[in-house]
N, C-alpha and C. Protein backbone atom coordinates (compact mmCIF):
# COMPACT_ATOMS: atom_id res chain seq x y z
N UNK A 1 16.44 -0.88 -38.85
CA UNK A 1 15.95 0.45 -39.19
C UNK A 1 16.07 1.39 -37.99
N UNK A 2 15.90 0.86 -36.77
CA UNK A 2 16.04 1.70 -35.58
C UNK A 2 17.42 2.33 -35.49
N UNK A 3 18.44 1.58 -35.87
CA UNK A 3 19.82 2.11 -35.81
C UNK A 3 20.00 3.26 -36.79
N UNK A 4 19.43 3.13 -37.98
CA UNK A 4 19.52 4.20 -38.97
C UNK A 4 18.80 5.45 -38.47
N UNK A 5 17.61 5.27 -37.93
CA UNK A 5 16.85 6.40 -37.42
C UNK A 5 17.55 7.06 -36.23
N UNK A 6 18.15 6.28 -35.36
CA UNK A 6 18.89 6.84 -34.23
C UNK A 6 20.16 7.54 -34.70
N UNK A 7 20.80 7.01 -35.74
CA UNK A 7 21.99 7.66 -36.32
C UNK A 7 21.61 9.05 -36.83
N UNK A 8 20.48 9.14 -37.52
CA UNK A 8 20.00 10.43 -38.03
C UNK A 8 19.63 11.34 -36.87
N UNK A 9 18.82 10.83 -35.95
CA UNK A 9 18.31 11.65 -34.84
C UNK A 9 19.43 12.19 -33.96
N UNK A 10 20.48 11.41 -33.76
CA UNK A 10 21.56 11.82 -32.88
C UNK A 10 22.69 12.54 -33.61
N UNK A 11 22.45 12.91 -34.85
CA UNK A 11 23.48 13.65 -35.60
C UNK A 11 24.77 12.86 -35.72
N UNK A 12 24.65 11.64 -36.22
CA UNK A 12 25.80 10.74 -36.39
C UNK A 12 26.47 10.43 -35.06
N UNK A 13 25.67 10.41 -34.00
CA UNK A 13 26.18 10.06 -32.68
C UNK A 13 26.62 11.25 -31.84
N UNK A 14 26.63 12.46 -32.40
CA UNK A 14 27.07 13.62 -31.63
C UNK A 14 26.15 13.92 -30.44
N UNK A 15 24.92 13.48 -30.51
CA UNK A 15 23.99 13.68 -29.40
C UNK A 15 24.33 12.86 -28.17
N UNK A 16 25.21 11.88 -28.33
CA UNK A 16 25.63 11.06 -27.19
C UNK A 16 26.78 11.69 -26.41
N UNK A 17 27.36 12.78 -26.92
CA UNK A 17 28.45 13.43 -26.18
C UNK A 17 27.90 13.91 -24.84
N UNK A 18 28.69 13.78 -23.77
CA UNK A 18 28.15 13.90 -22.42
C UNK A 18 27.69 15.29 -21.98
N UNK A 19 28.27 16.35 -22.49
CA UNK A 19 27.92 17.68 -22.02
C UNK A 19 27.37 18.49 -23.18
N UNK A 20 26.22 19.14 -22.97
CA UNK A 20 25.61 20.05 -23.94
C UNK A 20 25.45 19.43 -25.33
N UNK A 21 24.66 18.35 -25.46
CA UNK A 21 24.52 17.71 -26.76
C UNK A 21 23.95 18.64 -27.84
N UNK A 22 23.07 19.57 -27.45
CA UNK A 22 22.54 20.51 -28.44
C UNK A 22 23.61 21.39 -29.04
N UNK A 23 24.57 21.77 -28.24
CA UNK A 23 25.68 22.58 -28.73
C UNK A 23 26.54 21.77 -29.68
N UNK A 24 26.77 20.50 -29.35
CA UNK A 24 27.53 19.63 -30.25
C UNK A 24 26.76 19.43 -31.56
N UNK A 25 25.45 19.27 -31.46
CA UNK A 25 24.64 19.13 -32.67
C UNK A 25 24.75 20.37 -33.55
N UNK A 26 24.73 21.54 -32.92
CA UNK A 26 24.90 22.79 -33.68
C UNK A 26 26.27 22.84 -34.35
N UNK A 27 27.29 22.36 -33.65
CA UNK A 27 28.64 22.32 -34.23
C UNK A 27 28.67 21.41 -35.45
N UNK A 28 27.97 20.28 -35.37
CA UNK A 28 27.87 19.38 -36.53
C UNK A 28 27.18 20.12 -37.67
N UNK A 29 26.16 20.91 -37.33
CA UNK A 29 25.47 21.71 -38.35
C UNK A 29 26.42 22.67 -39.06
N UNK A 30 27.30 23.32 -38.31
CA UNK A 30 28.28 24.23 -38.92
C UNK A 30 29.23 23.45 -39.83
N UNK A 31 29.69 22.30 -39.35
CA UNK A 31 30.59 21.47 -40.19
C UNK A 31 29.89 21.03 -41.47
N UNK A 32 28.64 20.63 -41.34
CA UNK A 32 27.88 20.23 -42.52
C UNK A 32 27.68 21.42 -43.46
N UNK A 33 27.44 22.59 -42.88
CA UNK A 33 27.29 23.81 -43.69
C UNK A 33 28.55 24.08 -44.50
N UNK A 34 29.73 23.82 -43.92
CA UNK A 34 30.98 24.06 -44.65
C UNK A 34 30.98 23.33 -45.99
N UNK A 35 30.42 22.14 -46.02
CA UNK A 35 30.33 21.40 -47.28
C UNK A 35 29.15 21.83 -48.14
N UNK A 36 28.00 22.01 -47.52
CA UNK A 36 26.79 22.35 -48.27
C UNK A 36 26.80 23.77 -48.82
N UNK A 37 27.55 24.66 -48.20
CA UNK A 37 27.54 26.06 -48.62
C UNK A 37 28.09 26.25 -50.03
N UNK A 38 28.75 25.25 -50.54
CA UNK A 38 29.30 25.33 -51.90
C UNK A 38 28.23 25.01 -52.96
N UNK A 39 27.09 24.52 -52.50
CA UNK A 39 26.01 24.17 -53.43
C UNK A 39 25.31 25.43 -53.93
N UNK A 40 24.62 25.30 -55.04
CA UNK A 40 23.75 26.38 -55.50
C UNK A 40 22.61 26.50 -54.49
N UNK A 41 21.99 27.67 -54.45
CA UNK A 41 20.97 27.97 -53.45
C UNK A 41 19.86 26.92 -53.42
N UNK A 42 19.33 26.56 -54.58
CA UNK A 42 18.21 25.61 -54.60
C UNK A 42 18.64 24.25 -54.08
N UNK A 43 19.84 23.82 -54.41
CA UNK A 43 20.33 22.53 -53.93
C UNK A 43 20.53 22.56 -52.42
N UNK A 44 21.02 23.68 -51.90
CA UNK A 44 21.19 23.83 -50.46
C UNK A 44 19.83 23.73 -49.77
N UNK A 45 18.84 24.44 -50.28
CA UNK A 45 17.51 24.42 -49.67
C UNK A 45 16.88 23.03 -49.74
N UNK A 46 17.09 22.33 -50.83
CA UNK A 46 16.58 20.96 -50.96
C UNK A 46 17.25 20.06 -49.92
N UNK A 47 18.55 20.20 -49.76
CA UNK A 47 19.28 19.39 -48.77
C UNK A 47 18.75 19.65 -47.36
N UNK A 48 18.50 20.91 -47.03
CA UNK A 48 17.97 21.25 -45.71
C UNK A 48 16.55 20.68 -45.55
N UNK A 49 15.75 20.78 -46.59
CA UNK A 49 14.38 20.24 -46.53
C UNK A 49 14.40 18.72 -46.35
N UNK A 50 15.30 18.05 -47.04
CA UNK A 50 15.42 16.59 -46.90
C UNK A 50 15.85 16.23 -45.48
N UNK A 51 16.82 16.97 -44.94
CA UNK A 51 17.25 16.72 -43.56
C UNK A 51 16.12 16.99 -42.57
N UNK A 52 15.30 18.00 -42.85
CA UNK A 52 14.15 18.28 -41.99
C UNK A 52 13.19 17.09 -41.97
N UNK A 53 12.85 16.59 -43.14
CA UNK A 53 11.92 15.45 -43.23
C UNK A 53 12.52 14.23 -42.55
N UNK A 54 13.79 13.94 -42.83
CA UNK A 54 14.46 12.82 -42.15
C UNK A 54 14.46 13.05 -40.64
N UNK A 55 14.66 14.29 -40.24
CA UNK A 55 14.67 14.63 -38.81
C UNK A 55 13.34 14.40 -38.15
N UNK A 56 12.26 14.73 -38.83
CA UNK A 56 10.92 14.48 -38.26
C UNK A 56 10.74 12.99 -37.97
N UNK A 57 11.11 12.17 -38.94
CA UNK A 57 10.98 10.72 -38.74
C UNK A 57 11.98 10.21 -37.71
N UNK A 58 13.22 10.66 -37.80
CA UNK A 58 14.25 10.21 -36.86
C UNK A 58 13.95 10.63 -35.43
N UNK A 59 13.57 11.89 -35.23
CA UNK A 59 13.27 12.38 -33.87
C UNK A 59 12.05 11.67 -33.30
N UNK A 60 11.03 11.47 -34.13
CA UNK A 60 9.84 10.76 -33.67
C UNK A 60 10.15 9.33 -33.26
N UNK A 61 10.97 8.66 -34.07
CA UNK A 61 11.36 7.29 -33.75
C UNK A 61 12.21 7.25 -32.48
N UNK A 62 13.12 8.20 -32.34
CA UNK A 62 14.00 8.23 -31.16
C UNK A 62 13.18 8.41 -29.88
N UNK A 63 12.15 9.25 -29.94
CA UNK A 63 11.29 9.42 -28.76
C UNK A 63 10.68 8.09 -28.34
N UNK A 64 10.27 7.31 -29.31
CA UNK A 64 9.66 6.01 -28.99
C UNK A 64 10.72 5.01 -28.52
N UNK A 65 11.88 5.03 -29.15
CA UNK A 65 12.93 4.07 -28.81
C UNK A 65 13.43 4.29 -27.38
N UNK A 66 13.67 5.56 -27.00
CA UNK A 66 14.17 5.83 -25.65
C UNK A 66 13.04 6.10 -24.66
N UNK A 67 11.81 6.13 -25.15
CA UNK A 67 10.61 6.30 -24.33
C UNK A 67 10.64 7.59 -23.50
N UNK A 68 11.04 8.69 -24.18
CA UNK A 68 11.05 10.02 -23.56
C UNK A 68 10.72 11.06 -24.62
N UNK A 69 9.94 12.08 -24.26
CA UNK A 69 9.69 13.14 -25.24
C UNK A 69 10.93 14.02 -25.41
N UNK A 70 11.23 14.38 -26.64
CA UNK A 70 12.34 15.26 -27.00
C UNK A 70 13.60 14.96 -26.19
N UNK A 71 14.14 13.74 -26.31
CA UNK A 71 15.34 13.40 -25.53
C UNK A 71 16.54 14.24 -25.95
N UNK A 72 17.42 14.52 -25.02
CA UNK A 72 18.56 15.40 -25.29
C UNK A 72 19.53 14.80 -26.31
N UNK A 73 19.51 13.49 -26.49
CA UNK A 73 20.40 12.88 -27.48
C UNK A 73 19.98 13.21 -28.92
N UNK A 74 18.74 13.65 -29.10
CA UNK A 74 18.26 14.00 -30.44
C UNK A 74 18.77 15.41 -30.76
N UNK A 75 19.65 15.49 -31.76
CA UNK A 75 20.23 16.78 -32.14
C UNK A 75 20.05 17.11 -33.62
N UNK A 76 19.31 16.29 -34.35
CA UNK A 76 19.05 16.59 -35.75
C UNK A 76 18.31 17.92 -35.86
N UNK A 77 17.52 18.26 -34.86
CA UNK A 77 16.81 19.54 -34.87
C UNK A 77 17.78 20.72 -34.78
N UNK A 78 18.82 20.58 -33.97
CA UNK A 78 19.84 21.63 -33.90
C UNK A 78 20.63 21.72 -35.21
N UNK A 79 20.90 20.58 -35.82
CA UNK A 79 21.62 20.58 -37.09
C UNK A 79 20.84 21.33 -38.15
N UNK A 80 19.56 21.02 -38.27
CA UNK A 80 18.72 21.69 -39.27
C UNK A 80 18.56 23.17 -38.93
N UNK A 81 18.34 23.48 -37.65
CA UNK A 81 18.23 24.89 -37.25
C UNK A 81 19.49 25.67 -37.57
N UNK A 82 20.64 25.06 -37.36
CA UNK A 82 21.91 25.72 -37.67
C UNK A 82 22.05 25.92 -39.17
N UNK A 83 21.65 24.94 -39.96
CA UNK A 83 21.71 25.09 -41.41
C UNK A 83 20.78 26.18 -41.91
N UNK A 84 19.63 26.34 -41.26
CA UNK A 84 18.73 27.44 -41.61
C UNK A 84 19.39 28.77 -41.27
N UNK A 85 19.99 28.85 -40.10
CA UNK A 85 20.67 30.07 -39.67
C UNK A 85 21.72 30.50 -40.68
N UNK A 86 22.47 29.56 -41.19
CA UNK A 86 23.59 29.87 -42.07
C UNK A 86 23.20 29.91 -43.55
N UNK A 87 21.91 29.76 -43.82
CA UNK A 87 21.41 29.83 -45.18
C UNK A 87 21.76 31.20 -45.76
N UNK A 88 22.43 31.23 -46.89
CA UNK A 88 22.85 32.47 -47.54
C UNK A 88 23.68 33.34 -46.60
N UNK A 89 24.52 32.69 -45.81
CA UNK A 89 25.36 33.40 -44.83
C UNK A 89 26.17 34.49 -45.51
N UNK A 90 26.31 35.61 -44.83
CA UNK A 90 27.11 36.70 -45.41
C UNK A 90 28.54 36.24 -45.72
N UNK A 91 29.15 36.84 -46.73
CA UNK A 91 30.51 36.44 -47.12
C UNK A 91 31.56 37.05 -46.19
N UNK A 92 31.55 36.62 -44.98
CA UNK A 92 32.51 37.11 -43.99
C UNK A 92 32.97 35.92 -43.17
N UNK A 93 34.28 35.84 -42.87
CA UNK A 93 34.77 34.67 -42.12
C UNK A 93 34.16 34.52 -40.73
N UNK A 94 33.63 35.59 -40.15
CA UNK A 94 33.02 35.50 -38.83
C UNK A 94 31.57 35.01 -38.89
N UNK A 95 30.99 34.93 -40.09
CA UNK A 95 29.58 34.56 -40.22
C UNK A 95 29.24 33.21 -39.58
N UNK A 96 30.02 32.14 -39.80
CA UNK A 96 29.64 30.87 -39.17
C UNK A 96 29.72 30.91 -37.64
N UNK A 97 30.67 31.66 -37.11
CA UNK A 97 30.79 31.77 -35.65
C UNK A 97 29.61 32.57 -35.11
N UNK A 98 29.32 33.70 -35.74
CA UNK A 98 28.18 34.52 -35.32
C UNK A 98 26.88 33.74 -35.46
N UNK A 99 26.73 33.02 -36.57
CA UNK A 99 25.52 32.22 -36.78
C UNK A 99 25.38 31.13 -35.73
N UNK A 100 26.49 30.51 -35.37
CA UNK A 100 26.47 29.47 -34.34
C UNK A 100 25.99 30.07 -33.01
N UNK A 101 26.58 31.19 -32.62
CA UNK A 101 26.22 31.83 -31.34
C UNK A 101 24.78 32.33 -31.35
N UNK A 102 24.36 32.93 -32.46
CA UNK A 102 22.98 33.42 -32.55
C UNK A 102 21.98 32.27 -32.48
N UNK A 103 22.27 31.18 -33.19
CA UNK A 103 21.34 30.06 -33.14
C UNK A 103 21.25 29.48 -31.74
N UNK A 104 22.39 29.30 -31.07
CA UNK A 104 22.35 28.76 -29.71
C UNK A 104 21.52 29.69 -28.81
N UNK A 105 21.70 31.01 -28.97
CA UNK A 105 20.94 31.97 -28.16
C UNK A 105 19.44 31.82 -28.38
N UNK A 106 19.01 31.82 -29.64
CA UNK A 106 17.58 31.71 -29.94
C UNK A 106 17.03 30.33 -29.61
N UNK A 107 17.85 29.30 -29.71
CA UNK A 107 17.41 27.95 -29.35
C UNK A 107 17.17 27.85 -27.85
N UNK A 108 18.00 28.52 -27.08
CA UNK A 108 17.84 28.50 -25.62
C UNK A 108 16.68 29.40 -25.19
N UNK A 109 16.59 30.62 -25.76
CA UNK A 109 15.55 31.57 -25.36
C UNK A 109 14.16 31.16 -25.84
N UNK A 110 14.10 30.51 -26.99
CA UNK A 110 12.85 30.06 -27.60
C UNK A 110 11.78 31.16 -27.66
N UNK A 111 12.07 32.26 -28.40
CA UNK A 111 11.06 33.32 -28.53
C UNK A 111 9.84 32.81 -29.30
N UNK A 112 8.68 33.42 -29.03
CA UNK A 112 7.44 33.01 -29.68
C UNK A 112 7.64 32.99 -31.19
N UNK A 113 7.16 31.98 -31.85
CA UNK A 113 6.36 30.86 -31.40
C UNK A 113 7.16 29.61 -31.03
N UNK A 114 8.50 29.71 -30.99
CA UNK A 114 9.32 28.53 -30.71
C UNK A 114 8.98 27.90 -29.36
N UNK A 115 8.85 28.70 -28.32
CA UNK A 115 8.51 28.16 -27.00
C UNK A 115 7.15 27.51 -26.99
N UNK A 116 6.18 28.13 -27.67
CA UNK A 116 4.83 27.57 -27.73
C UNK A 116 4.88 26.21 -28.44
N UNK A 117 5.60 26.16 -29.55
CA UNK A 117 5.74 24.90 -30.30
C UNK A 117 6.37 23.85 -29.41
N UNK A 118 7.44 24.22 -28.71
CA UNK A 118 8.15 23.29 -27.83
C UNK A 118 7.22 22.70 -26.77
N UNK A 119 6.31 23.51 -26.26
CA UNK A 119 5.40 23.04 -25.19
C UNK A 119 4.17 22.32 -25.71
N UNK A 120 3.72 22.64 -26.93
CA UNK A 120 2.42 22.14 -27.37
C UNK A 120 2.44 21.14 -28.51
N UNK A 121 3.46 21.14 -29.34
CA UNK A 121 3.53 20.15 -30.42
C UNK A 121 4.41 19.00 -29.98
N UNK A 122 3.95 17.81 -30.24
CA UNK A 122 4.67 16.63 -29.78
C UNK A 122 5.11 15.79 -30.98
N UNK A 123 5.93 14.81 -30.70
CA UNK A 123 6.42 13.94 -31.76
C UNK A 123 7.55 14.59 -32.53
N UNK A 124 7.95 13.94 -33.60
CA UNK A 124 9.08 14.40 -34.39
C UNK A 124 8.89 15.81 -34.95
N UNK A 125 7.68 16.14 -35.37
CA UNK A 125 7.44 17.47 -35.92
C UNK A 125 7.64 18.55 -34.85
N UNK A 126 7.15 18.31 -33.66
CA UNK A 126 7.35 19.27 -32.58
C UNK A 126 8.81 19.44 -32.22
N UNK A 127 9.54 18.33 -32.19
CA UNK A 127 10.98 18.38 -31.87
C UNK A 127 11.69 19.26 -32.89
N UNK A 128 11.34 19.11 -34.15
CA UNK A 128 12.03 19.82 -35.22
C UNK A 128 11.62 21.29 -35.34
N UNK A 129 10.33 21.57 -35.20
CA UNK A 129 9.84 22.91 -35.55
C UNK A 129 10.32 24.02 -34.64
N UNK A 130 10.48 23.78 -33.34
CA UNK A 130 10.95 24.88 -32.49
C UNK A 130 12.35 25.31 -32.89
N UNK A 131 13.18 24.39 -33.34
CA UNK A 131 14.52 24.73 -33.78
C UNK A 131 14.52 25.38 -35.16
N UNK A 132 13.55 25.03 -35.98
CA UNK A 132 13.39 25.70 -37.27
C UNK A 132 13.07 27.18 -37.02
N UNK A 133 12.15 27.45 -36.10
CA UNK A 133 11.81 28.83 -35.77
C UNK A 133 13.03 29.56 -35.22
N UNK A 134 13.74 28.93 -34.29
CA UNK A 134 14.95 29.54 -33.74
C UNK A 134 15.96 29.81 -34.85
N UNK A 135 16.06 28.90 -35.80
CA UNK A 135 16.96 29.08 -36.93
C UNK A 135 16.58 30.28 -37.78
N UNK A 136 15.28 30.50 -37.99
CA UNK A 136 14.84 31.66 -38.77
C UNK A 136 15.12 32.96 -38.01
N UNK A 137 14.89 32.97 -36.70
CA UNK A 137 15.24 34.16 -35.91
C UNK A 137 16.74 34.45 -36.01
N UNK A 138 17.56 33.43 -35.88
CA UNK A 138 19.01 33.61 -35.95
C UNK A 138 19.44 34.03 -37.36
N UNK A 139 18.80 33.48 -38.38
CA UNK A 139 19.08 33.88 -39.76
C UNK A 139 18.82 35.37 -39.94
N UNK A 140 17.68 35.83 -39.47
CA UNK A 140 17.35 37.26 -39.58
C UNK A 140 18.34 38.11 -38.81
N UNK A 141 18.68 37.70 -37.59
CA UNK A 141 19.63 38.46 -36.77
C UNK A 141 21.01 38.51 -37.42
N UNK A 142 21.44 37.39 -38.01
CA UNK A 142 22.75 37.33 -38.66
C UNK A 142 22.80 38.30 -39.83
N UNK A 143 21.78 38.28 -40.66
CA UNK A 143 21.77 39.15 -41.83
C UNK A 143 21.57 40.62 -41.45
N UNK A 144 20.75 40.87 -40.46
CA UNK A 144 20.56 42.25 -39.98
C UNK A 144 21.87 42.78 -39.39
N UNK A 145 22.54 41.96 -38.59
CA UNK A 145 23.81 42.36 -38.01
C UNK A 145 24.85 42.64 -39.07
N UNK A 146 24.92 41.82 -40.08
CA UNK A 146 25.87 42.03 -41.18
C UNK A 146 25.55 43.32 -41.92
N UNK A 147 24.26 43.55 -42.19
CA UNK A 147 23.84 44.76 -42.89
C UNK A 147 24.20 46.00 -42.06
N UNK A 148 23.94 45.94 -40.76
CA UNK A 148 24.26 47.08 -39.89
C UNK A 148 25.77 47.35 -39.85
N UNK A 149 26.57 46.29 -39.80
CA UNK A 149 28.03 46.46 -39.80
C UNK A 149 28.52 47.07 -41.11
N UNK A 150 27.89 46.70 -42.21
CA UNK A 150 28.26 47.27 -43.50
C UNK A 150 27.93 48.76 -43.56
N UNK A 151 26.92 49.17 -42.82
CA UNK A 151 26.51 50.57 -42.82
C UNK A 151 27.49 51.45 -42.06
N UNK A 152 28.28 50.86 -41.15
CA UNK A 152 29.22 51.65 -40.33
C UNK A 152 30.37 52.18 -41.14
């Protein structure tokens, strides 16, 4: 069971890549979005919710397995955050690239309450929630940016 949980937590092993594992995890999120984006809205949201729940368990188990809080190899949080960012992505070919960049920006900056969550909530839920918040910020920025561009 540990192997299954680590597979989930590390985004199918992408978290083991040597440089910037969070960025690789986000890239996996974009690739996963390419397939999931064809689903109806409710199915997409259910898939993201299921990945979130699996991520809470996987990230929590990974912390215990490697005996470190929020280890960098855990990237399921970035995957879910990226999927939230791209939820209902605008119908423009640049949307996944913009969503990727926006999510990475908000994941790094951790605006309130993401930073607070990152510092104060522990375990799998804490690992996942700061990226969920970053994903919602990036989602809003992506849609606002698209709306503003349409206004020009």
